[in-house]
Amino acid sequence: EVDAYVWHCYIPGIRPGQRYGFRV
C-alpha cells in the first residue's frame, strides 16, 4: 500500500518488543 509516497501495512498480533527494519 502506497499513499503519497508513504508505504504502509498493519499486522495483527505484532506487539511491543518486536524488532524490525526496512529494506528499500
PDB file of all heavy atoms in Angstrom:
ATOM      1  N   GLU A   1       0.841  -1.197   0.000  1.00  0.00           N
ATOM      2  CA  GLU A   1       0.000   0.000   0.000  1.00  0.00           C
ATOM      3  C   GLU A   1       0.881   1.253   0.000  1.00  0.00           C
ATOM      4  O   GLU A   1       1.796   1.391   0.815  1.00  0.00           O
ATOM      5  CB  GLU A   1      -0.902   0.015   1.230  1.00  0.00           C
ATOM      6  CG  GLU A   1      -1.881  -1.138   1.299  1.00  0.00           C
ATOM      7  CD  GLU A   1      -2.945  -1.030   0.216  1.00  0.00           C
ATOM      8  OE1 GLU A   1      -3.299   0.113  -0.160  1.00  0.00           O
ATOM      9  OE2 GLU A   1      -3.418  -2.085  -0.260  1.00  0.00           O
ATOM     10  N   VAL A   2       0.593   2.180  -0.937  1.00  0.00           N
ATOM     11  CA  VAL A   2       1.366   3.415  -1.033  1.00  0.00           C
ATOM     12  C   VAL A   2       0.409   4.589  -1.221  1.00  0.00           C
ATOM     13  O   VAL A   2      -0.408   4.590  -2.153  1.00  0.00           O
ATOM     14  CB  VAL A   2       2.362   3.381  -2.218  1.00  0.00           C
ATOM     15  CG1 VAL A   2       3.268   4.613  -2.172  1.00  0.00           C
ATOM     16  CG2 VAL A   2       3.171   2.104  -2.220  1.00  0.00           C
ATOM     17  N   ASP A   3       0.487   5.565  -0.325  1.00  0.00           N
ATOM     18  CA  ASP A   3      -0.308   6.789  -0.435  1.00  0.00           C
ATOM     19  C   ASP A   3       0.630   7.985  -0.297  1.00  0.00           C
ATOM     20  O   ASP A   3       1.256   8.177   0.757  1.00  0.00           O
ATOM     21  CB  ASP A   3      -1.371   6.862   0.663  1.00  0.00           C
ATOM     22  CG  ASP A   3      -2.469   5.829   0.471  1.00  0.00           C
ATOM     23  OD1 ASP A   3      -3.195   5.937  -0.522  1.00  0.00           O
ATOM     24  OD2 ASP A   3      -2.566   4.911   1.310  1.00  0.00           O
ATOM     25  N   ALA A   4       0.714   8.791  -1.369  1.00  0.00           N
ATOM     26  CA  ALA A   4       1.547   9.996  -1.356  1.00  0.00           C
ATOM     27  C   ALA A   4       2.958   9.686  -0.877  1.00  0.00           C
ATOM     28  O   ALA A   4       3.511  10.368  -0.017  1.00  0.00           O
ATOM     29  CB  ALA A   4       0.912  11.084  -0.497  1.00  0.00           C
ATOM     30  N   TYR A   5       3.521   8.631  -1.431  1.00  0.00           N
ATOM     31  CA  TYR A   5       4.883   8.182  -1.139  1.00  0.00           C
ATOM     32  C   TYR A   5       5.048   7.592   0.259  1.00  0.00           C
ATOM     33  O   TYR A   5       6.172   7.394   0.708  1.00  0.00           O
ATOM     34  CB  TYR A   5       5.903   9.316  -1.328  1.00  0.00           C
ATOM     35  CG  TYR A   5       5.901   9.904  -2.710  1.00  0.00           C
ATOM     36  CD1 TYR A   5       5.658  11.264  -2.897  1.00  0.00           C
ATOM     37  CD2 TYR A   5       6.135   9.118  -3.831  1.00  0.00           C
ATOM     38  CE1 TYR A   5       5.651  11.825  -4.172  1.00  0.00           C
ATOM     39  CE2 TYR A   5       6.133   9.659  -5.111  1.00  0.00           C
ATOM     40  CZ  TYR A   5       5.882  11.013  -5.268  1.00  0.00           C
ATOM     41  OH  TYR A   5       5.879  11.551  -6.530  1.00  0.00           O
ATOM     42  N   VAL A   6       3.966   7.321   0.937  1.00  0.00           N
ATOM     43  CA  VAL A   6       4.045   6.652   2.240  1.00  0.00           C
ATOM     44  C   VAL A   6       3.622   5.199   2.052  1.00  0.00           C
ATOM     45  O   VAL A   6       2.494   4.910   1.637  1.00  0.00           O
ATOM     46  CB  VAL A   6       3.170   7.341   3.300  1.00  0.00           C
ATOM     47  CG1 VAL A   6       3.222   6.550   4.608  1.00  0.00           C
ATOM     48  CG2 VAL A   6       3.634   8.771   3.532  1.00  0.00           C
ATOM     49  N   TRP A   7       4.526   4.283   2.356  1.00  0.00           N
ATOM     50  CA  TRP A   7       4.304   2.845   2.247  1.00  0.00           C
ATOM     51  C   TRP A   7       3.835   2.342   3.609  1.00  0.00           C
ATOM     52  O   TRP A   7       4.440   2.669   4.645  1.00  0.00           O
ATOM     53  CB  TRP A   7       5.602   2.151   1.832  1.00  0.00           C
ATOM     54  CG  TRP A   7       6.201   2.678   0.558  1.00  0.00           C
ATOM     55  CD1 TRP A   7       6.706   3.920   0.334  1.00  0.00           C
ATOM     56  CD2 TRP A   7       6.348   1.966  -0.677  1.00  0.00           C
ATOM     57  NE1 TRP A   7       7.154   4.052  -0.948  1.00  0.00           N
ATOM     58  CE2 TRP A   7       6.955   2.850  -1.603  1.00  0.00           C
ATOM     59  CE3 TRP A   7       6.039   0.672  -1.096  1.00  0.00           C
ATOM     60  CZ2 TRP A   7       7.263   2.483  -2.908  1.00  0.00           C
ATOM     61  CZ3 TRP A   7       6.344   0.303  -2.399  1.00  0.00           C
ATOM     62  CH2 TRP A   7       6.941   1.201  -3.293  1.00  0.00           C
ATOM     63  N   HIS A   8       2.774   1.507   3.610  1.00  0.00           N
ATOM     64  CA  HIS A   8       2.213   1.164   4.920  1.00  0.00           C
ATOM     65  C   HIS A   8       1.541  -0.200   4.910  1.00  0.00           C
ATOM     66  O   HIS A   8       1.145  -0.731   3.862  1.00  0.00           O
ATOM     67  CB  HIS A   8       1.222   2.230   5.380  1.00  0.00           C
ATOM     68  CG  HIS A   8       0.123   2.520   4.397  1.00  0.00           C
ATOM     69  ND1 HIS A   8      -1.084   1.855   4.399  1.00  0.00           N
ATOM     70  CD2 HIS A   8       0.053   3.420   3.375  1.00  0.00           C
ATOM     71  CE1 HIS A   8      -1.855   2.342   3.439  1.00  0.00           C
ATOM     72  NE2 HIS A   8      -1.193   3.285   2.792  1.00  0.00           N
ATOM     73  N   CYS A   9       1.401  -0.775   6.111  1.00  0.00           N
ATOM     74  CA  CYS A   9       0.662  -2.016   6.329  1.00  0.00           C
ATOM     75  C   CYS A   9       0.359  -2.139   7.810  1.00  0.00           C
ATOM     76  O   CYS A   9       0.972  -1.453   8.644  1.00  0.00           O
ATOM     77  CB  CYS A   9       1.446  -3.236   5.840  1.00  0.00           C
ATOM     78  SG  CYS A   9       2.945  -3.597   6.795  1.00  0.00           S
ATOM     79  N   TYR A  10      -0.589  -3.009   8.126  1.00  0.00           N
ATOM     80  CA  TYR A  10      -0.952  -3.283   9.523  1.00  0.00           C
ATOM     81  C   TYR A  10      -0.873  -4.791   9.736  1.00  0.00           C
ATOM     82  O   TYR A  10      -1.383  -5.571   8.915  1.00  0.00           O
ATOM     83  CB  TYR A  10      -2.365  -2.789   9.825  1.00  0.00           C
ATOM     84  CG  TYR A  10      -2.832  -3.066  11.248  1.00  0.00           C
ATOM     85  CD1 TYR A  10      -2.662  -2.129  12.251  1.00  0.00           C
ATOM     86  CD2 TYR A  10      -3.446  -4.284  11.572  1.00  0.00           C
ATOM     87  CE1 TYR A  10      -3.100  -2.381  13.555  1.00  0.00           C
ATOM     88  CE2 TYR A  10      -3.876  -4.553  12.860  1.00  0.00           C
ATOM     89  CZ  TYR A  10      -3.691  -3.589  13.852  1.00  0.00           C
ATOM     90  OH  TYR A  10      -4.109  -3.847  15.131  1.00  0.00           O
ATOM     91  N   ILE A  11      -0.230  -5.205  10.839  1.00  0.00           N
ATOM     92  CA  ILE A  11      -0.093  -6.638  11.114  1.00  0.00           C
ATOM     93  C   ILE A  11      -0.676  -6.937  12.494  1.00  0.00           C
ATOM     94  O   ILE A  11      -0.124  -6.491  13.517  1.00  0.00           O
ATOM     95  CB  ILE A  11       1.382  -7.078  11.062  1.00  0.00           C
ATOM     96  CG1 ILE A  11       2.006  -6.677   9.722  1.00  0.00           C
ATOM     97  CG2 ILE A  11       1.494  -8.583  11.267  1.00  0.00           C
ATOM     98  CD1 ILE A  11       3.461  -7.041   9.595  1.00  0.00           C
ATOM     99  N   PRO A  12      -1.792  -7.663  12.541  1.00  0.00           N
ATOM    100  CA  PRO A  12      -2.358  -8.048  13.843  1.00  0.00           C
ATOM    101  C   PRO A  12      -1.370  -8.930  14.608  1.00  0.00           C
ATOM    102  O   PRO A  12      -0.628  -9.730  14.024  1.00  0.00           O
ATOM    103  CB  PRO A  12      -3.616  -8.838  13.459  1.00  0.00           C
ATOM    104  CG  PRO A  12      -3.928  -8.425  12.059  1.00  0.00           C
ATOM    105  CD  PRO A  12      -2.610  -8.146  11.418  1.00  0.00           C
ATOM    106  N   GLY A  13      -1.354  -8.760  15.932  1.00  0.00           N
ATOM    107  CA  GLY A  13      -0.547  -9.624  16.784  1.00  0.00           C
ATOM    108  C   GLY A  13       0.886  -9.167  16.986  1.00  0.00           C
ATOM    109  O   GLY A  13       1.591  -9.735  17.823  1.00  0.00           O
ATOM    110  N   ILE A  14       1.336  -8.193  16.251  1.00  0.00           N
ATOM    111  CA  ILE A  14       2.698  -7.673  16.468  1.00  0.00           C
ATOM    112  C   ILE A  14       2.663  -6.758  17.679  1.00  0.00           C
ATOM    113  O   ILE A  14       1.939  -5.759  17.703  1.00  0.00           O
ATOM    114  CB  ILE A  14       3.214  -6.910  15.233  1.00  0.00           C
ATOM    115  CG1 ILE A  14       3.320  -7.858  14.051  1.00  0.00           C
ATOM    116  CG2 ILE A  14       4.558  -6.258  15.522  1.00  0.00           C
ATOM    117  CD1 ILE A  14       4.324  -8.978  14.244  1.00  0.00           C
ATOM    118  N   ARG A  15       3.474  -7.112  18.667  1.00  0.00           N
ATOM    119  CA  ARG A  15       3.376  -6.469  19.967  1.00  0.00           C
ATOM    120  C   ARG A  15       4.653  -5.714  20.320  1.00  0.00           C
ATOM    121  O   ARG A  15       5.688  -5.851  19.642  1.00  0.00           O
ATOM    122  CB  ARG A  15       3.068  -7.516  21.038  1.00  0.00           C
ATOM    123  CG  ARG A  15       1.834  -8.367  20.740  1.00  0.00           C
ATOM    124  CD  ARG A  15       1.485  -9.287  21.889  1.00  0.00           C
ATOM    125  NE  ARG A  15       1.191  -8.541  23.098  1.00  0.00           N
ATOM    126  CZ  ARG A  15       0.032  -7.938  23.342  1.00  0.00           C
ATOM    127  NH1 ARG A  15      -0.940  -7.979  22.443  1.00  0.00           N
ATOM    128  NH2 ARG A  15      -0.160  -7.286  24.475  1.00  0.00           N
ATOM    129  N   PRO A  16       4.612  -4.902  21.387  1.00  0.00           N
ATOM    130  CA  PRO A  16       5.817  -4.208  21.832  1.00  0.00           C
ATOM    131  C   PRO A  16       6.964  -5.177  22.088  1.00  0.00           C
ATOM    132  O   PRO A  16       6.760  -6.285  22.590  1.00  0.00           O
ATOM    133  CB  PRO A  16       5.365  -3.518  23.123  1.00  0.00           C
ATOM    134  CG  PRO A  16       3.899  -3.288  22.933  1.00  0.00           C
ATOM    135  CD  PRO A  16       3.415  -4.491  22.170  1.00  0.00           C
ATOM    136  N   GLY A  17       8.160  -4.748  21.743  1.00  0.00           N
ATOM    137  CA  GLY A  17       9.342  -5.581  21.870  1.00  0.00           C
ATOM    138  C   GLY A  17       9.760  -6.213  20.558  1.00  0.00           C
ATOM    139  O   GLY A  17      10.869  -6.745  20.445  1.00  0.00           O
ATOM    140  N   GLN A  18       8.874  -6.168  19.540  1.00  0.00           N
ATOM    141  CA  GLN A  18       9.192  -6.735  18.224  1.00  0.00           C
ATOM    142  C   GLN A  18      10.308  -5.928  17.558  1.00  0.00           C
ATOM    143  O   GLN A  18      10.245  -4.707  17.460  1.00  0.00           O
ATOM    144  CB  GLN A  18       7.954  -6.728  17.337  1.00  0.00           C
ATOM    145  CG  GLN A  18       8.208  -7.138  15.895  1.00  0.00           C
ATOM    146  CD  GLN A  18       8.629  -8.592  15.762  1.00  0.00           C
ATOM    147  OE1 GLN A  18       7.922  -9.483  16.232  1.00  0.00           O
ATOM    148  NE2 GLN A  18       9.781  -8.844  15.139  1.00  0.00           N
ATOM    149  N   ARG A  19      11.330  -6.614  17.076  1.00  0.00           N
ATOM    150  CA  ARG A  19      12.411  -5.969  16.335  1.00  0.00           C
ATOM    151  C   ARG A  19      12.054  -5.932  14.848  1.00  0.00           C
ATOM    152  O   ARG A  19      11.501  -6.904  14.317  1.00  0.00           O
ATOM    153  CB  ARG A  19      13.725  -6.722  16.534  1.00  0.00           C
ATOM    154  CG  ARG A  19      14.134  -6.807  17.995  1.00  0.00           C
ATOM    155  CD  ARG A  19      15.547  -7.311  18.162  1.00  0.00           C
ATOM    156  NE  ARG A  19      15.703  -8.698  17.738  1.00  0.00           N
ATOM    157  CZ  ARG A  19      16.841  -9.386  17.872  1.00  0.00           C
ATOM    158  NH1 ARG A  19      17.914  -8.798  18.385  1.00  0.00           N
ATOM    159  NH2 ARG A  19      16.906 -10.646  17.486  1.00  0.00           N
ATOM    160  N   TYR A  20      12.415  -4.811  14.205  1.00  0.00           N
ATOM    161  CA  TYR A  20      12.092  -4.695  12.786  1.00  0.00           C
ATOM    162  C   TYR A  20      13.050  -3.720  12.088  1.00  0.00           C
ATOM    163  O   TYR A  20      13.805  -2.983  12.720  1.00  0.00           O
ATOM    164  CB  TYR A  20      10.638  -4.236  12.588  1.00  0.00           C
ATOM    165  CG  TYR A  20      10.366  -2.778  12.940  1.00  0.00           C
ATOM    166  CD1 TYR A  20      10.315  -1.800  11.949  1.00  0.00           C
ATOM    167  CD2 TYR A  20      10.149  -2.384  14.264  1.00  0.00           C
ATOM    168  CE1 TYR A  20      10.059  -0.475  12.258  1.00  0.00           C
ATOM    169  CE2 TYR A  20       9.890  -1.065  14.580  1.00  0.00           C
ATOM    170  CZ  TYR A  20       9.855  -0.107  13.581  1.00  0.00           C
ATOM    171  OH  TYR A  20       9.608   1.200  13.891  1.00  0.00           O
ATOM    172  N   GLY A  21      13.015  -3.741  10.777  1.00  0.00           N
ATOM    173  CA  GLY A  21      13.769  -2.819   9.944  1.00  0.00           C
ATOM    174  C   GLY A  21      13.137  -2.794   8.565  1.00  0.00           C
ATOM    175  O   GLY A  21      12.102  -3.435   8.322  1.00  0.00           O
ATOM    176  N   PHE A  22      13.740  -2.049   7.663  1.00  0.00           N
ATOM    177  CA  PHE A  22      13.215  -1.953   6.299  1.00  0.00           C
ATOM    178  C   PHE A  22      14.332  -2.220   5.293  1.00  0.00           C
ATOM    179  O   PHE A  22      15.497  -1.890   5.518  1.00  0.00           O
ATOM    180  CB  PHE A  22      12.634  -0.562   6.031  1.00  0.00           C
ATOM    181  CG  PHE A  22      11.444  -0.224   6.886  1.00  0.00           C
ATOM    182  CD1 PHE A  22      11.559   0.631   7.977  1.00  0.00           C
ATOM    183  CD2 PHE A  22      10.194  -0.749   6.594  1.00  0.00           C
ATOM    184  CE1 PHE A  22      10.465   0.952   8.758  1.00  0.00           C
ATOM    185  CE2 PHE A  22       9.088  -0.437   7.376  1.00  0.00           C
ATOM    186  CZ  PHE A  22       9.227   0.409   8.466  1.00  0.00           C
ATOM    187  N   ARG A  23      13.958  -2.803   4.169  1.00  0.00           N
ATOM    188  CA  ARG A  23      14.846  -2.906   3.011  1.00  0.00           C
ATOM    189  C   ARG A  23      14.177  -2.144   1.873  1.00  0.00           C
ATOM    190  O   ARG A  23      13.037  -2.448   1.500  1.00  0.00           O
ATOM    191  CB  ARG A  23      15.113  -4.364   2.640  1.00  0.00           C
ATOM    192  CG  ARG A  23      15.869  -5.142   3.728  1.00  0.00           C
ATOM    193  CD  ARG A  23      16.284  -6.526   3.256  1.00  0.00           C
ATOM    194  NE  ARG A  23      16.878  -7.298   4.338  1.00  0.00           N
ATOM    195  CZ  ARG A  23      18.172  -7.273   4.663  1.00  0.00           C
ATOM    196  NH1 ARG A  23      19.012  -6.505   3.969  1.00  0.00           N
ATOM    197  NH2 ARG A  23      18.629  -8.019   5.657  1.00  0.00           N
ATOM    198  N   VAL A  24      14.887  -1.161   1.346  1.00  0.00           N
ATOM    199  CA  VAL A  24      14.313  -0.271   0.342  1.00  0.00           C
ATOM    200  C   VAL A  24      14.961  -0.545  -1.009  1.00  0.00           C
ATOM    201  O   VAL A  24      16.180  -0.394  -1.175  1.00  0.00           O
ATOM    202  CB  VAL A  24      14.507   1.207   0.738  1.00  0.00           C
ATOM    203  CG1 VAL A  24      13.960   2.125  -0.354  1.00  0.00           C
ATOM    204  CG2 VAL A  24      13.810   1.491   2.074  1.00  0.00           C
TER     205      VAL A  24
END
